[in-house]
């Protein structure tokens, strides 16, 4: 089968496999019109959490890992259909990665362990973020996606995640393809004012600043961008699933040497000062010459 690099292509492949039209598939998914599905297939928009759930529920034979990331085969194998999802504590210890539900309502849906039984830092790249949202309702999806684990000793202990940054809203602090290392916030009242956080909602994963702690009585949460072209916006508190405090950044952008930059600016200012003195001296000399010529003309008259 031809490789489907984008999720819209994979949706089109599903429709073709089942012999549906786009209109018929939209009806199966519970949509009154096929417009949304056409937009997904035409790569105008990416499907959100609700749409992904609808697809997997409507076509249960589809492999979630293939739908979300394009990995593996489109259809589940017979063995996968027979297996029931089980938690990590019920699996054999020899398994390389395990996932299980963890913590309270503000905690991550799953925690991933490495072969030694230690919690790993799950890397959630941009293409996998829709699947990460889906795992809130179906934790086994993360296991099927087989996301990479990072081993960073300085970020051990409490639950950590690594999220890839997409977009320009946090420039110049964060750039597209940067990876932020974040720690789970169990108590949102402990949010640090104007600190950077990863906010996971029912339809998006965002990296933003939160201006103040979030109380239980708050109906909305304000999110701020570092890029002045992006306005602050409010989201309903009830739509937020997880909040992660950013504690580190993995980036390919190496900052310039500030001392070197300062020395260059100081040198430039010095050159400008010398040039200014030289120009001033020449102007004075020119004025003197003009003044002397005027005096000579006055004496001749």
Protein backbone atom coordinates (compact mmCIF):
# COMPACT_ATOMS: atom_id res chain seq x y z
CA UNK A 1 0.00 0.00 0.00
CA UNK A 2 1.24 3.50 -0.81
CA UNK A 3 2.71 5.31 2.19
CA UNK A 4 0.38 7.88 3.74
CA UNK A 5 2.60 10.54 5.30
CA UNK A 6 -0.17 12.80 6.59
CA UNK A 7 -3.16 11.90 8.71
CA UNK A 8 -5.50 13.24 6.03
CA UNK A 9 -4.04 10.71 3.59
CA UNK A 10 -4.65 7.93 6.13
CA UNK A 11 -8.26 9.00 6.58
CA UNK A 12 -8.65 8.88 2.79
CA UNK A 13 -7.11 5.37 2.79
CA UNK A 14 -9.62 4.21 5.43
CA UNK A 15 -12.54 5.51 3.39
CA UNK A 16 -11.21 3.80 0.27
CA UNK A 17 -10.55 0.51 2.12
CA UNK A 18 -14.14 0.29 3.35
CA UNK A 19 -15.58 1.35 0.00
CA UNK A 20 -17.21 4.46 1.42
CA UNK A 21 -17.63 7.86 -0.14
CA UNK A 22 -16.56 10.90 1.84
CA UNK A 23 -20.22 11.72 2.33
CA UNK A 24 -21.00 8.19 3.51
CA UNK A 25 -18.03 8.16 5.89
CA UNK A 26 -19.11 11.50 7.34
CA UNK A 27 -22.56 10.07 8.01
CA UNK A 28 -21.02 7.04 9.76
CA UNK A 29 -18.97 9.39 11.93
CA UNK A 30 -22.12 11.29 12.89
CA UNK A 31 -21.47 14.43 10.85
CA UNK A 32 -24.35 16.16 9.11
CA UNK A 33 -22.09 17.37 6.31
CA UNK A 34 -18.86 16.06 4.79
CA UNK A 35 -17.16 19.50 4.89
CA UNK A 36 -15.02 18.73 7.93
CA UNK A 37 -13.86 15.43 6.48
CA UNK A 38 -12.99 17.07 3.16
CA UNK A 39 -10.90 19.64 5.06
CA UNK A 40 -8.99 16.85 6.84
CA UNK A 41 -8.35 14.94 3.62
CA UNK A 42 -7.29 18.14 1.85
CA UNK A 43 -4.80 18.91 4.68
CA UNK A 44 -6.50 22.20 5.52
CA UNK A 45 -6.95 21.16 9.15
CA UNK A 46 -5.78 18.32 11.38
CA UNK A 47 -8.44 16.19 13.09
CA UNK A 48 -8.78 16.71 16.83
CA UNK A 49 -9.37 14.31 19.68
CA UNK A 50 -13.12 13.90 19.12
CA UNK A 51 -12.72 13.07 15.44
CA UNK A 52 -9.99 10.49 16.15
CA UNK A 53 -12.22 8.79 18.71
CA UNK A 54 -15.09 8.75 16.20
CA UNK A 55 -12.88 7.14 13.55
CA UNK A 56 -11.54 4.43 15.87
CA UNK A 57 -15.01 3.67 17.22
CA UNK A 58 -16.58 3.60 13.75
CA UNK A 59 -13.77 1.49 12.29
CA UNK A 60 -12.53 -0.65 15.22
CA UNK A 61 -10.27 -2.73 12.94
CA UNK A 62 -8.02 0.31 12.35
CA UNK A 63 -4.66 0.27 14.12
CA UNK A 64 -4.45 3.45 16.29
CA UNK A 65 -0.67 3.64 15.89
CA UNK A 66 -1.03 3.68 12.11
CA UNK A 67 -3.82 6.27 12.18
CA UNK A 68 -1.96 8.65 14.47
CA UNK A 69 1.66 8.22 13.37
CA UNK A 70 1.55 6.18 10.16
CA UNK A 71 3.49 3.35 11.82
CA UNK A 72 2.69 -0.33 11.29
CA UNK A 73 -0.17 -1.71 9.23
CA UNK A 74 -3.51 -0.03 8.72
CA UNK A 75 -5.48 -2.94 10.16
CA UNK A 76 -4.93 -4.61 13.49
CA UNK A 77 -3.60 -8.15 13.39
CA UNK A 78 -5.76 -11.03 14.53
CA UNK A 79 -3.65 -11.31 17.69
CA UNK A 80 -4.21 -7.66 18.56
CA UNK A 81 -7.97 -8.09 18.20
CA UNK A 82 -7.96 -11.02 20.62
CA UNK A 83 -5.84 -9.31 23.28
CA UNK A 84 -7.56 -7.22 25.93
CA UNK A 85 -5.70 -4.12 27.14
CA UNK A 86 -4.02 -4.78 30.48
CA UNK A 87 -2.18 -2.49 32.85
CA UNK A 88 1.57 -2.52 33.30
CA UNK A 89 1.39 -4.06 36.76
CA UNK A 90 -0.27 -7.13 35.23
CA UNK A 91 2.34 -7.57 32.50
CA UNK A 92 5.50 -9.60 32.62
CA UNK A 93 8.50 -7.62 33.99
CA UNK A 94 10.54 -8.41 30.88
CA UNK A 95 8.48 -6.01 28.76
CA UNK A 96 10.46 -2.99 27.60
CA UNK A 97 7.77 -0.37 28.17
CA UNK A 98 4.62 -0.32 30.28
CA UNK A 99 1.80 2.16 30.77
CA UNK A 100 -0.79 2.46 33.51
CA UNK A 101 -3.21 5.01 34.89
CA UNK A 102 -1.73 7.24 37.52
CA UNK A 103 -2.70 9.79 40.15
CA UNK A 104 -5.67 12.08 40.53
CA UNK A 105 -7.75 14.12 38.09
CA UNK A 106 -4.89 16.50 37.26
CA UNK A 107 -2.26 13.78 36.88
CA UNK A 108 -1.17 12.28 33.54
CA UNK A 109 -3.36 9.52 32.13
CA UNK A 110 -0.43 7.10 32.02
CA UNK A 111 3.08 6.66 33.35
CA UNK A 112 5.69 4.93 31.19
CA UNK A 113 8.36 2.66 32.67
CA UNK A 114 11.61 1.43 31.17
CA UNK A 115 13.05 -2.08 31.42
CA UNK A 116 14.46 -1.38 34.89
CA UNK A 117 11.04 -0.38 36.16
CA UNK A 118 12.01 3.30 36.42
CA UNK A 119 9.76 6.00 35.07
CA UNK A 120 11.01 7.31 31.73
CA UNK A 121 10.53 10.70 30.09
CA UNK A 122 8.12 10.12 27.24
CA UNK A 123 8.89 12.21 24.15
CA UNK A 124 5.68 13.49 22.53
CA UNK A 125 6.61 14.82 19.04
CA UNK A 126 4.24 17.08 17.15
CA UNK A 127 2.68 14.29 14.99
CA UNK A 128 1.90 12.27 18.15
CA UNK A 129 0.14 15.01 20.09
CA UNK A 130 -3.30 14.07 18.83
CA UNK A 131 -2.65 10.51 19.97
CA UNK A 132 -1.45 11.77 23.34
CA UNK A 133 -4.83 13.45 23.82
CA UNK A 134 -6.58 10.25 22.75
CA UNK A 135 -4.71 8.30 25.45
CA UNK A 136 -6.69 10.14 28.10
CA UNK A 137 -9.63 7.92 27.24
CA UNK A 138 -7.67 4.97 25.82
CA UNK A 139 -4.36 4.54 27.70
CA UNK A 140 -3.35 1.57 25.52
CA UNK A 141 -2.93 3.98 22.59
CA UNK A 142 0.38 5.25 23.99
CA UNK A 143 1.72 1.71 24.15
CA UNK A 144 0.66 1.07 20.57
CA UNK A 145 2.33 4.31 19.46
CA UNK A 146 5.61 3.13 21.07
CA UNK A 147 6.90 6.63 21.77
CA UNK A 148 10.59 7.16 22.52
CA UNK A 149 11.79 7.40 26.13
CA UNK A 150 14.48 9.88 27.16
CA UNK A 151 16.94 9.20 29.99
CA UNK A 152 17.86 12.51 31.65
CA UNK A 153 19.08 11.99 35.25
CA UNK A 154 18.53 15.64 36.21
CA UNK A 155 14.81 15.23 35.49
CA UNK A 156 14.18 12.01 37.40
CA UNK A 157 11.61 11.35 40.08
CA UNK A 158 8.22 12.98 39.64
CA UNK A 159 6.40 12.41 36.34
CA UNK A 160 8.07 14.19 33.43
CA UNK A 161 7.20 14.50 29.76
CA UNK A 162 9.04 15.93 26.75
CA UNK A 163 6.89 17.88 24.28
CA UNK A 164 7.95 19.16 20.88
CA UNK A 165 7.17 22.83 20.26
CA UNK A 166 5.28 23.85 17.13
CA UNK A 167 4.52 27.35 15.91
CA UNK A 168 5.90 30.82 16.61
CA UNK A 169 3.73 31.98 19.51
CA UNK A 170 6.53 31.58 22.09
CA UNK A 171 9.35 33.11 20.05
CA UNK A 172 12.00 34.22 20.89
CA UNK A 173 11.93 32.06 24.03
CA UNK A 174 11.01 28.83 22.23
CA UNK A 175 11.20 27.93 18.55
CA UNK A 176 9.56 25.31 16.36
CA UNK A 177 11.16 21.86 16.88
CA UNK A 178 12.51 22.79 20.33
CA UNK A 179 11.67 20.17 22.94
CA UNK A 180 10.59 21.22 26.44
CA UNK A 181 11.06 18.94 29.45
CA UNK A 182 8.13 19.42 31.80
CA UNK A 183 7.01 18.13 35.20
CA UNK A 184 3.40 17.26 35.97
CA UNK A 185 1.47 19.76 38.10
CA UNK A 186 -0.82 17.87 40.47
CA UNK A 187 -2.04 21.01 42.24
CA UNK A 188 -2.85 23.84 39.86
CA UNK A 189 -2.98 26.29 42.78
CA UNK A 190 0.83 25.98 42.82
CA UNK A 191 1.23 27.42 39.32
CA UNK A 192 4.03 30.01 39.30
CA UNK A 193 2.87 33.36 37.88
CA UNK A 194 4.02 33.94 34.28
CA UNK A 195 6.02 30.71 34.20
CA UNK A 196 6.00 28.56 31.03
CA UNK A 197 3.71 25.51 31.03
CA UNK A 198 2.50 22.82 28.66
CA UNK A 199 -1.30 22.88 28.72
CA UNK A 200 -3.07 19.74 27.49
CA UNK A 201 -6.74 20.29 26.61
CA UNK A 202 -9.34 18.11 24.98
CA UNK A 203 -8.34 19.32 21.52
CA UNK A 204 -4.79 20.72 21.67
CA UNK A 205 -1.36 20.67 23.31
CA UNK A 206 -0.06 24.22 23.88
CA UNK A 207 3.09 25.76 25.37
CA UNK A 208 2.14 29.04 27.05
CA UNK A 209 2.66 31.24 30.08
CA UNK A 210 0.02 31.22 32.82
CA UNK A 211 -0.21 34.62 34.57
CA UNK A 212 -1.45 33.39 37.96
CA UNK A 213 -2.31 30.26 39.97
CA UNK A 214 -5.51 28.44 39.05
CA UNK A 215 -8.09 28.09 41.81
CA UNK A 216 -11.01 25.68 41.93
CA UNK A 217 -13.41 28.60 41.51
CA UNK A 218 -11.86 29.82 38.26
CA UNK A 219 -14.12 29.30 35.28
CA UNK A 220 -11.51 30.33 32.71
CA UNK A 221 -7.73 30.27 32.46
CA UNK A 222 -5.74 32.96 30.65
CA UNK A 223 -2.83 31.86 28.45
CA UNK A 224 -0.07 34.22 27.32
CA UNK A 225 2.40 34.08 24.42
CA UNK A 226 5.90 35.58 24.33
CA UNK A 227 5.43 36.66 20.72
CA UNK A 228 3.73 40.09 20.82
CA UNK A 229 1.81 39.29 17.62
CA UNK A 230 -0.27 36.73 19.54
CA UNK A 231 -2.98 38.09 21.82
CA UNK A 232 -3.77 36.55 25.23
CA UNK A 233 -6.73 34.22 25.15
CA UNK A 234 -8.99 32.51 27.65
CA UNK A 235 -9.95 28.84 27.69
CA UNK A 236 -12.56 27.14 29.90
CA UNK A 237 -10.94 25.54 32.94
CA UNK A 238 -13.01 22.40 32.49
CA UNK A 239 -11.40 21.71 29.09
CA UNK A 240 -7.90 21.43 30.61
CA UNK A 241 -6.74 17.87 31.28
CA UNK A 242 -3.13 18.28 32.29
CA UNK A 243 -0.66 21.08 33.09
CA UNK A 244 3.10 20.51 32.94
CA UNK A 245 5.69 22.91 34.34
CA UNK A 246 8.53 23.48 31.86
CA UNK A 247 11.87 22.84 33.59
CA UNK A 248 14.27 22.45 30.68
CA UNK A 249 14.70 22.91 26.93
CA UNK A 250 16.38 20.80 24.26
CA UNK A 251 17.26 23.04 21.32
CA UNK A 252 19.57 23.21 18.32
CA UNK A 253 19.90 26.98 18.71
CA UNK A 254 23.13 27.80 20.55
CA UNK A 255 22.97 31.32 22.05
CA UNK A 256 25.59 33.84 21.04
CA UNK A 257 28.48 34.75 23.35
CA UNK A 258 27.12 37.81 25.14
CA UNK A 259 30.55 39.13 26.09
CA UNK A 260 31.71 38.84 22.50
CA UNK A 261 28.61 40.64 21.29
CA UNK A 262 29.17 43.38 23.89
CA UNK A 263 32.79 43.79 22.79
CA UNK A 264 31.69 44.13 19.17
CA UNK A 265 29.13 46.80 20.04
CA UNK A 266 31.68 48.68 22.18
CA UNK A 267 34.19 48.58 19.31
CA UNK A 268 31.60 49.85 16.87
CA UNK A 269 30.71 52.72 19.19
CA UNK A 270 34.39 53.59 19.53
CA UNK A 271 34.82 53.69 15.74
CA UNK A 272 31.71 55.87 15.45
CA UNK A 273 33.07 58.21 18.12
CA UNK A 274 36.39 58.55 16.25
CA UNK A 275 34.59 59.14 12.99
CA UNK A 276 32.40 61.73 14.69
CA UNK A 277 35.43 63.58 16.07
CA UNK A 278 37.08 63.51 12.65
CA UNK A 279 33.94 64.85 10.97
CA UNK A 280 33.62 67.57 13.61
CA UNK A 281 37.26 68.61 13.07
CA UNK A 282 36.80 68.83 9.33
CA UNK A 283 33.65 70.93 9.74
CA UNK A 284 35.49 73.37 12.02
CA UNK A 285 38.35 73.60 9.53
CA UNK A 286 35.91 74.23 6.70
CA UNK A 287 34.13 76.97 8.67
CA UNK A 288 37.46 78.62 9.43
CA UNK A 289 38.34 78.64 5.74
CA UNK A 290 34.97 80.13 4.82
CA UNK A 291 35.39 82.76 7.54
CA UNK A 292 38.89 83.73 6.38
CA UNK A 293 37.76 84.09 2.76
CA UNK A 294 34.89 86.35 3.82
CA UNK A 295 37.33 88.60 5.74
CA UNK A 296 39.66 88.87 2.73
CA UNK A 297 36.77 89.86 0.46
CA UNK A 298 35.64 92.53 2.93
CA UNK A 299 39.16 94.11 3.06
CA UNK A 300 39.39 94.19 -0.74
CA UNK A 301 36.14 96.10 -0.95
